[in-house]
C-alpha atoms as a PDB file:
ATOM      1  CA  MET A   1     -17.429 -17.691  18.394  1.00  0.00           C
ATOM      2  CA  GLU A   2     -16.509 -20.438  15.912  1.00  0.00           C
ATOM      3  CA  ALA A   3     -13.088 -20.447  14.254  1.00  0.00           C
ATOM      4  CA  LYS A   4     -14.528 -19.827  10.764  1.00  0.00           C
ATOM      5  CA  GLU A   5     -16.366 -16.719  11.953  1.00  0.00           C
ATOM      6  CA  ILE A   6     -13.256 -15.417  13.746  1.00  0.00           C
ATOM      7  CA  ILE A   7     -11.237 -15.829  10.545  1.00  0.00           C
ATOM      8  CA  LEU A   8     -13.944 -14.158   8.443  1.00  0.00           C
ATOM      9  CA  GLN A   9     -14.243 -11.131  10.727  1.00  0.00           C
ATOM     10  CA  THR A  10     -10.456 -10.798  10.934  1.00  0.00           C
ATOM     11  CA  GLU A  11     -10.286 -10.988   7.150  1.00  0.00           C
ATOM     12  CA  ASN A  12     -12.834  -8.173   6.798  1.00  0.00           C
ATOM     13  CA  TYR A  13     -10.983  -6.023   9.346  1.00  0.00           C
ATOM     14  CA  VAL A  14      -7.610  -6.380   7.619  1.00  0.00           C
ATOM     15  CA  ARG A  15      -9.024  -5.919   4.122  1.00  0.00           C
ATOM     16  CA  GLU A  16     -10.601  -2.615   5.155  1.00  0.00           C
ATOM     17  CA  LEU A  17      -7.306  -1.407   6.649  1.00  0.00           C
ATOM     18  CA  LEU A  18      -4.972  -2.386   3.831  1.00  0.00           C
ATOM     19  CA  GLU A  19      -6.930  -2.621   0.577  1.00  0.00           C
ATOM     20  CA  ASN A  20      -5.787   0.872  -0.494  1.00  0.00           C
ATOM     21  CA  ASP A  21      -2.134   0.498   0.492  1.00  0.00           C
ATOM     22  CA  HIS A  22       0.331   1.423  -2.285  1.00  0.00           C
ATOM     23  CA  SER A  23       3.585   0.242  -0.711  1.00  0.00           C
ATOM     24  CA  GLY A  24       3.396  -3.455  -1.623  1.00  0.00           C
ATOM     25  CA  HIS A  25       1.837  -4.362   1.735  1.00  0.00           C
ATOM     26  CA  ASP A  26      -1.727  -4.306   0.453  1.00  0.00           C
ATOM     27  CA  TRP A  27      -4.572  -6.767   0.982  1.00  0.00           C
ATOM     28  CA  TRP A  28      -3.371  -9.078  -1.796  1.00  0.00           C
ATOM     29  CA  HIS A  29       0.028  -9.375  -0.113  1.00  0.00           C
ATOM     30  CA  ILE A  30      -1.876 -10.543   2.971  1.00  0.00           C
ATOM     31  CA  VAL A  31      -3.839 -13.063   0.901  1.00  0.00           C
ATOM     32  CA  ARG A  32      -0.660 -14.525  -0.611  1.00  0.00           C
ATOM     33  CA  VAL A  33       1.076 -14.757   2.772  1.00  0.00           C
ATOM     34  CA  ARG A  34      -2.009 -16.361   4.321  1.00  0.00           C
ATOM     35  CA  ASN A  35      -2.275 -18.952   1.545  1.00  0.00           C
ATOM     36  CA  THR A  36       1.426 -19.817   1.674  1.00  0.00           C
ATOM     37  CA  ALA A  37       1.352 -19.997   5.465  1.00  0.00           C
ATOM     38  CA  ILE A  38      -1.577 -22.414   5.419  1.00  0.00           C
ATOM     39  CA  GLU A  39       0.246 -24.613   2.901  1.00  0.00           C
ATOM     40  CA  LEU A  40       3.359 -24.624   5.099  1.00  0.00           C
ATOM     41  CA  ALA A  41       1.261 -25.309   8.214  1.00  0.00           C
ATOM     42  CA  VAL A  42      -0.120 -28.469   6.621  1.00  0.00           C
ATOM     43  CA  LYS A  43       3.354 -29.657   5.628  1.00  0.00           C
ATOM     44  CA  GLU A  44       4.869 -28.819   9.022  1.00  0.00           C
ATOM     45  CA  ASP A  45       1.912 -30.069  11.120  1.00  0.00           C
ATOM     46  CA  ALA A  46       1.349 -26.697  12.821  1.00  0.00           C
ATOM     47  CA  ASN A  47      -1.722 -25.090  14.400  1.00  0.00           C
ATOM     48  CA  GLN A  48      -3.523 -23.746  11.333  1.00  0.00           C
ATOM     49  CA  PHE A  49      -5.808 -21.424  13.310  1.00  0.00           C
ATOM     50  CA  ILE A  50      -2.857 -19.594  14.891  1.00  0.00           C
ATOM     51  CA  VAL A  51      -0.989 -19.519  11.592  1.00  0.00           C
ATOM     52  CA  GLU A  52      -3.921 -18.110   9.629  1.00  0.00           C
ATOM     53  CA  LEU A  53      -4.765 -15.396  12.152  1.00  0.00           C
ATOM     54  CA  ALA A  54      -1.133 -14.311  12.513  1.00  0.00           C
ATOM     55  CA  ALA A  55      -0.695 -14.255   8.731  1.00  0.00           C
ATOM     56  CA  LEU A  56      -3.820 -12.127   8.295  1.00  0.00           C
ATOM     57  CA  LEU A  57      -2.768  -9.651  10.987  1.00  0.00           C
ATOM     58  CA  HIS A  58       1.006  -9.597  10.507  1.00  0.00           C
ATOM     59  CA  ASP A  59       1.206  -6.126   8.882  1.00  0.00           C
ATOM     60  CA  VAL A  60      -1.469  -4.357  10.931  1.00  0.00           C
ATOM     61  CA  ALA A  61       1.091  -3.089  13.461  1.00  0.00           C
ATOM     62  CA  ASP A  62       4.149  -3.013  11.187  1.00  0.00           C
ATOM     63  CA  ASP A  63       6.184   0.174  11.613  1.00  0.00           C
ATOM     64  CA  LYS A  64       6.457   0.496   7.827  1.00  0.00           C
ATOM     65  CA  LEU A  65       2.730   1.182   7.755  1.00  0.00           C
ATOM     66  CA  VAL A  66       1.760   2.678  11.109  1.00  0.00           C
ATOM     67  CA  LYS A  67       3.234   5.509  13.156  1.00  0.00           C
ATOM     68  CA  ASP A  68       2.661   3.854  16.527  1.00  0.00           C
ATOM     69  CA  GLU A  69       3.599   0.178  16.571  1.00  0.00           C
ATOM     70  CA  GLU A  70       2.427  -0.343  20.154  1.00  0.00           C
ATOM     71  CA  LYS A  71      -0.953   1.172  19.356  1.00  0.00           C
ATOM     72  CA  GLY A  72      -1.250  -1.234  16.442  1.00  0.00           C
ATOM     73  CA  ILE A  73      -0.453  -4.183  18.700  1.00  0.00           C
ATOM     74  CA  LYS A  74      -3.113  -3.010  21.149  1.00  0.00           C
ATOM     75  CA  GLN A  75      -5.668  -2.839  18.340  1.00  0.00           C
ATOM     76  CA  ILE A  76      -4.867  -6.445  17.424  1.00  0.00           C
ATOM     77  CA  GLU A  77      -5.233  -7.531  21.046  1.00  0.00           C
ATOM     78  CA  ASN A  78      -8.567  -5.743  21.308  1.00  0.00           C
ATOM     79  CA  LEU A  79      -9.839  -7.299  18.085  1.00  0.00           C
ATOM     80  CA  LEU A  80      -8.880 -10.842  19.047  1.00  0.00           C
ATOM     81  CA  THR A  81     -10.310 -10.431  22.539  1.00  0.00           C
ATOM     82  CA  TYR A  82     -13.567  -9.105  21.044  1.00  0.00           C
ATOM     83  CA  LEU A  83     -13.644 -12.160  18.750  1.00  0.00           C
ATOM     84  CA  THR A  84     -13.340 -14.398  21.860  1.00  0.00           C
ATOM     85  CA  VAL A  85      -9.934 -15.815  20.956  1.00  0.00           C
ATOM     86  CA  PRO A  86      -8.494 -17.379  24.155  1.00  0.00           C
ATOM     87  CA  SER A  87      -5.835 -15.229  25.855  1.00  0.00           C
ATOM     88  CA  LYS A  88      -3.137 -17.884  25.447  1.00  0.00           C
ATOM     89  CA  GLU A  89      -3.681 -17.889  21.683  1.00  0.00           C
ATOM     90  CA  VAL A  90      -3.833 -14.081  21.580  1.00  0.00           C
ATOM     91  CA  ASN A  91      -0.441 -13.925  23.306  1.00  0.00           C
ATOM     92  CA  HIS A  92       0.982 -16.450  20.844  1.00  0.00           C
ATOM     93  CA  ILE A  93      -0.247 -14.445  17.845  1.00  0.00           C
ATOM     94  CA  ILE A  94       1.063 -11.168  19.275  1.00  0.00           C
ATOM     95  CA  GLU A  95       4.477 -12.726  19.915  1.00  0.00           C
ATOM     96  CA  ILE A  96       4.655 -13.824  16.280  1.00  0.00           C
ATOM     97  CA  ILE A  97       3.630 -10.415  14.923  1.00  0.00           C
ATOM     98  CA  LYS A  98       6.017  -8.450  17.143  1.00  0.00           C
ATOM     99  CA  ASN A  99       9.077 -10.519  16.224  1.00  0.00           C
ATOM    100  CA  MET A 100       8.710 -11.636  12.612  1.00  0.00           C
ATOM    101  CA  SER A 101       9.766  -8.531  10.651  1.00  0.00           C
ATOM    102  CA  PHE A 102      13.240  -8.335   9.067  1.00  0.00           C
ATOM    103  CA  LYS A 103      14.099  -4.880  10.501  1.00  0.00           C
ATOM    104  CA  GLY A 104      17.555  -4.753   8.967  1.00  0.00           C
ATOM    105  CA  GLY A 105      18.310  -8.296  10.073  1.00  0.00           C
ATOM    106  CA  ASN A 106      18.013  -7.421  13.757  1.00  0.00           C
ATOM    107  CA  ASN A 107      15.576 -10.154  14.701  1.00  0.00           C
ATOM    108  CA  THR A 108      14.403 -11.848  17.854  1.00  0.00           C
ATOM    109  CA  PRO A 109      14.316 -15.584  17.005  1.00  0.00           C
ATOM    110  CA  LEU A 110      10.850 -17.115  16.760  1.00  0.00           C
ATOM    111  CA  HIS A 111      10.549 -20.207  18.935  1.00  0.00           C
ATOM    112  CA  THR A 112       7.273 -21.767  17.784  1.00  0.00           C
ATOM    113  CA  ILE A 113       6.639 -23.584  14.536  1.00  0.00           C
ATOM    114  CA  GLU A 114       3.652 -21.313  13.888  1.00  0.00           C
ATOM    115  CA  GLY A 115       5.827 -18.204  14.175  1.00  0.00           C
ATOM    116  CA  LYS A 116       8.496 -19.695  11.936  1.00  0.00           C
ATOM    117  CA  ILE A 117       5.895 -20.573   9.314  1.00  0.00           C
ATOM    118  CA  VAL A 118       4.315 -17.097   9.180  1.00  0.00           C
ATOM    119  CA  GLN A 119       7.758 -15.491   8.995  1.00  0.00           C
ATOM    120  CA  ASP A 120       8.735 -17.853   6.170  1.00  0.00           C
ATOM    121  CA  ALA A 121       5.513 -17.136   4.264  1.00  0.00           C
ATOM    122  CA  ASP A 122       6.041 -13.380   4.543  1.00  0.00           C
ATOM    123  CA  ARG A 123       9.649 -13.684   3.409  1.00  0.00           C
ATOM    124  CA  LEU A 124       8.716 -15.899   0.469  1.00  0.00           C
ATOM    125  CA  ASP A 125       6.469 -13.088  -0.777  1.00  0.00           C
ATOM    126  CA  ALA A 126       9.544 -10.839  -0.837  1.00  0.00           C
ATOM    127  CA  LEU A 127      11.298 -13.225  -3.249  1.00  0.00           C
ATOM    128  CA  GLY A 128      10.977 -14.099  -6.919  1.00  0.00           C
ATOM    129  CA  ALA A 129       8.897 -12.230  -9.489  1.00  0.00           C
ATOM    130  CA  ILE A 130       6.435 -10.884  -6.937  1.00  0.00           C
ATOM    131  CA  GLY A 131       9.251  -9.868  -4.608  1.00  0.00           C
ATOM    132  CA  ILE A 132      10.880  -7.879  -7.413  1.00  0.00           C
ATOM    133  CA  ALA A 133       7.601  -6.148  -8.242  1.00  0.00           C
ATOM    134  CA  ARG A 134       6.988  -5.300  -4.587  1.00  0.00           C
ATOM    135  CA  THR A 135      10.517  -3.917  -4.213  1.00  0.00           C
ATOM    136  CA  PHE A 136       9.967  -1.296  -6.908  1.00  0.00           C
ATOM    137  CA  VAL A 137       6.492  -0.439  -5.646  1.00  0.00           C
ATOM    138  CA  TYR A 138       7.860   0.078  -2.126  1.00  0.00           C
ATOM    139  CA  ALA A 139      10.841   2.113  -3.356  1.00  0.00           C
ATOM    140  CA  GLY A 140       8.508   4.361  -5.323  1.00  0.00           C
ATOM    141  CA  SER A 141       6.244   4.845  -2.315  1.00  0.00           C
ATOM    142  CA  ARG A 142       9.263   6.019  -0.305  1.00  0.00           C
ATOM    143  CA  GLY A 143      10.652   8.276  -3.033  1.00  0.00           C
ATOM    144  CA  SER A 144      13.726   6.097  -3.602  1.00  0.00           C
ATOM    145  CA  LEU A 145      15.474   5.759  -6.958  1.00  0.00           C
ATOM    146  CA  ILE A 146      15.570   2.570  -9.012  1.00  0.00           C
ATOM    147  CA  TYR A 147      19.372   2.618  -8.857  1.00  0.00           C
ATOM    148  CA  ASP A 148      22.238   5.007  -8.226  1.00  0.00           C
ATOM    149  CA  PRO A 149      25.760   3.534  -8.454  1.00  0.00           C
ATOM    150  CA  THR A 150      27.064   6.230  -6.108  1.00  0.00           C
ATOM    151  CA  ILE A 151      24.845   5.042  -3.237  1.00  0.00           C
ATOM    152  CA  GLU A 152      26.625   2.168  -1.521  1.00  0.00           C
ATOM    153  CA  VAL A 153      24.919  -0.965  -0.275  1.00  0.00           C
ATOM    154  CA  ARG A 154      24.600  -0.855   3.517  1.00  0.00           C
ATOM    155  CA  GLU A 155      26.157  -3.902   5.162  1.00  0.00           C
ATOM    156  CA  SER A 156      24.889  -3.542   8.730  1.00  0.00           C
ATOM    157  CA  MET A 157      22.128  -1.323  10.019  1.00  0.00           C
ATOM    158  CA  THR A 158      20.097  -0.500  13.054  1.00  0.00           C
ATOM    159  CA  LYS A 159      16.331  -0.786  12.669  1.00  0.00           C
ATOM    160  CA  GLU A 160      16.136   3.006  12.361  1.00  0.00           C
ATOM    161  CA  GLU A 161      18.837   3.108   9.672  1.00  0.00           C
ATOM    162  CA  TYR A 162      17.174   0.278   7.765  1.00  0.00           C
ATOM    163  CA  ARG A 163      13.814   2.033   7.749  1.00  0.00           C
ATOM    164  CA  ASN A 164      14.926   5.614   7.130  1.00  0.00           C
ATOM    165  CA  GLY A 165      18.426   5.586   5.615  1.00  0.00           C
ATOM    166  CA  LYS A 166      19.085   6.432   1.968  1.00  0.00           C
ATOM    167  CA  SER A 167      18.970   3.474  -0.383  1.00  0.00           C
ATOM    168  CA  THR A 168      17.648   2.368  -3.804  1.00  0.00           C
ATOM    169  CA  ALA A 169      15.425  -0.406  -5.100  1.00  0.00           C
ATOM    170  CA  ILE A 170      18.413  -2.341  -6.450  1.00  0.00           C
ATOM    171  CA  ASN A 171      20.378  -1.895  -3.214  1.00  0.00           C
ATOM    172  CA  HIS A 172      17.431  -3.451  -1.380  1.00  0.00           C
ATOM    173  CA  PHE A 173      18.164  -6.743  -3.131  1.00  0.00           C
ATOM    174  CA  TYR A 174      21.537  -6.880  -1.362  1.00  0.00           C
ATOM    175  CA  GLU A 175      20.406  -5.336   1.919  1.00  0.00           C
ATOM    176  CA  LYS A 176      17.529  -7.792   2.361  1.00  0.00           C
ATOM    177  CA  LEU A 177      16.130  -9.905  -0.463  1.00  0.00           C
ATOM    178  CA  LEU A 178      19.175 -11.986  -1.370  1.00  0.00           C
ATOM    179  CA  LYS A 179      19.689 -12.824   2.306  1.00  0.00           C
ATOM    180  CA  LEU A 180      16.233 -14.283   2.836  1.00  0.00           C
ATOM    181  CA  SER A 181      16.666 -17.744   1.321  1.00  0.00           C
ATOM    182  CA  GLN A 182      19.331 -18.467   3.949  1.00  0.00           C
ATOM    183  CA  LEU A 183      17.056 -17.227   6.738  1.00  0.00           C
ATOM    184  CA  MET A 184      14.108 -19.543   6.097  1.00  0.00           C
ATOM    185  CA  ASN A 185      13.105 -21.578   9.132  1.00  0.00           C
ATOM    186  CA  THR A 186      11.351 -24.603   7.658  1.00  0.00           C
ATOM    187  CA  GLU A 187      12.570 -27.117   5.119  1.00  0.00           C
ATOM    188  CA  SER A 188       9.411 -26.588   3.058  1.00  0.00           C
ATOM    189  CA  ALA A 189      10.089 -22.860   2.772  1.00  0.00           C
ATOM    190  CA  LYS A 190      13.767 -23.390   1.981  1.00  0.00           C
ATOM    191  CA  GLN A 191      12.780 -25.491  -1.031  1.00  0.00           C
ATOM    192  CA  MET A 192      10.291 -22.857  -2.221  1.00  0.00           C
ATOM    193  CA  ALA A 193      12.841 -20.062  -1.743  1.00  0.00           C
ATOM    194  CA  GLU A 194      15.550 -21.671  -3.854  1.00  0.00           C
ATOM    195  CA  GLY A 195      13.961 -21.078  -7.260  1.00  0.00           C
ATOM    196  CA  ARG A 196      12.771 -17.588  -6.350  1.00  0.00           C
ATOM    197  CA  HIS A 197      16.265 -16.608  -5.200  1.00  0.00           C
ATOM    198  CA  GLN A 198      17.769 -17.837  -8.473  1.00  0.00           C
ATOM    199  CA  PHE A 199      15.216 -15.837 -10.462  1.00  0.00           C
ATOM    200  CA  MET A 200      16.242 -12.643  -8.650  1.00  0.00           C
ATOM    201  CA  GLU A 201      19.915 -13.242  -9.403  1.00  0.00           C
ATOM    202  CA  GLU A 202      19.068 -13.724 -13.083  1.00  0.00           C
ATOM    203  CA  TYR A 203      17.035 -10.518 -13.023  1.00  0.00           C
ATOM    204  CA  LEU A 204      19.956  -8.556 -11.546  1.00  0.00           C
ATOM    205  CA  ASP A 205      22.315  -9.908 -14.214  1.00  0.00           C
ATOM    206  CA  GLN A 206      19.916  -8.675 -16.905  1.00  0.00           C
ATOM    207  CA  PHE A 207      19.405  -5.347 -15.125  1.00  0.00           C
ATOM    208  CA  TYR A 208      23.133  -4.574 -15.063  1.00  0.00           C
ATOM    209  CA  ARG A 209      23.557  -5.555 -18.727  1.00  0.00           C
ATOM    210  CA  GLU A 210      20.807  -3.148 -19.695  1.00  0.00           C
ATOM    211  CA  TRP A 211      22.093  -0.446 -17.314  1.00  0.00           C
ATOM    212  CA  ASN A 212      25.477  -0.605 -19.008  1.00  0.00           C
ATOM    213  CA  GLY A 213      23.951  -0.604 -22.511  1.00  0.00           C
ATOM    214  CA  LYS A 214      25.153  -4.106 -23.322  1.00  0.00           C
ATOM    215  CA  LYS A 215      21.843  -5.825 -24.071  1.00  0.00           C
END
């Protein structure tokens, strides 16, 4: 099967799975991550086929969205095998998907440029104006408050604590979002992250002024 057809069928598969998601991990999140990843792949001279497939599939087995992460990984393997993707490339894509999520900062380092690019693209979508919007959508989907000054920011967490512990949308900025610009892998992504990070800091300054009735 030709690469274009593999991409198209993967696209259709992921769109069907995620187009009705309401947690900020919907089909359009996938589109943005895919587009950013392709742009980074060109700049960093990476394998665009691997990057695009991993970007399209990166949330299919994410434990934020599925109950059984291993089952999700198996579904990805089955899909790629059905689409005649060579086993070496399947293994590369699976390695990226299994290790790219933030998970409270408890990460296995990604060793290939393709993995680093897809991770950067996903993290860039958690920054800036879109990142702020997605934060509140995700908090609402989990029943979390916008802000509660009595709930302290968590400094270190296990994966389980990060996923299921009590937090707020504003706390999430400190528990994850404001850390991401320093965790980018590629120079291209670091440059893109800088302005988005600054925008989030400006937003928080405005949020606290309004919260305290000062503006």
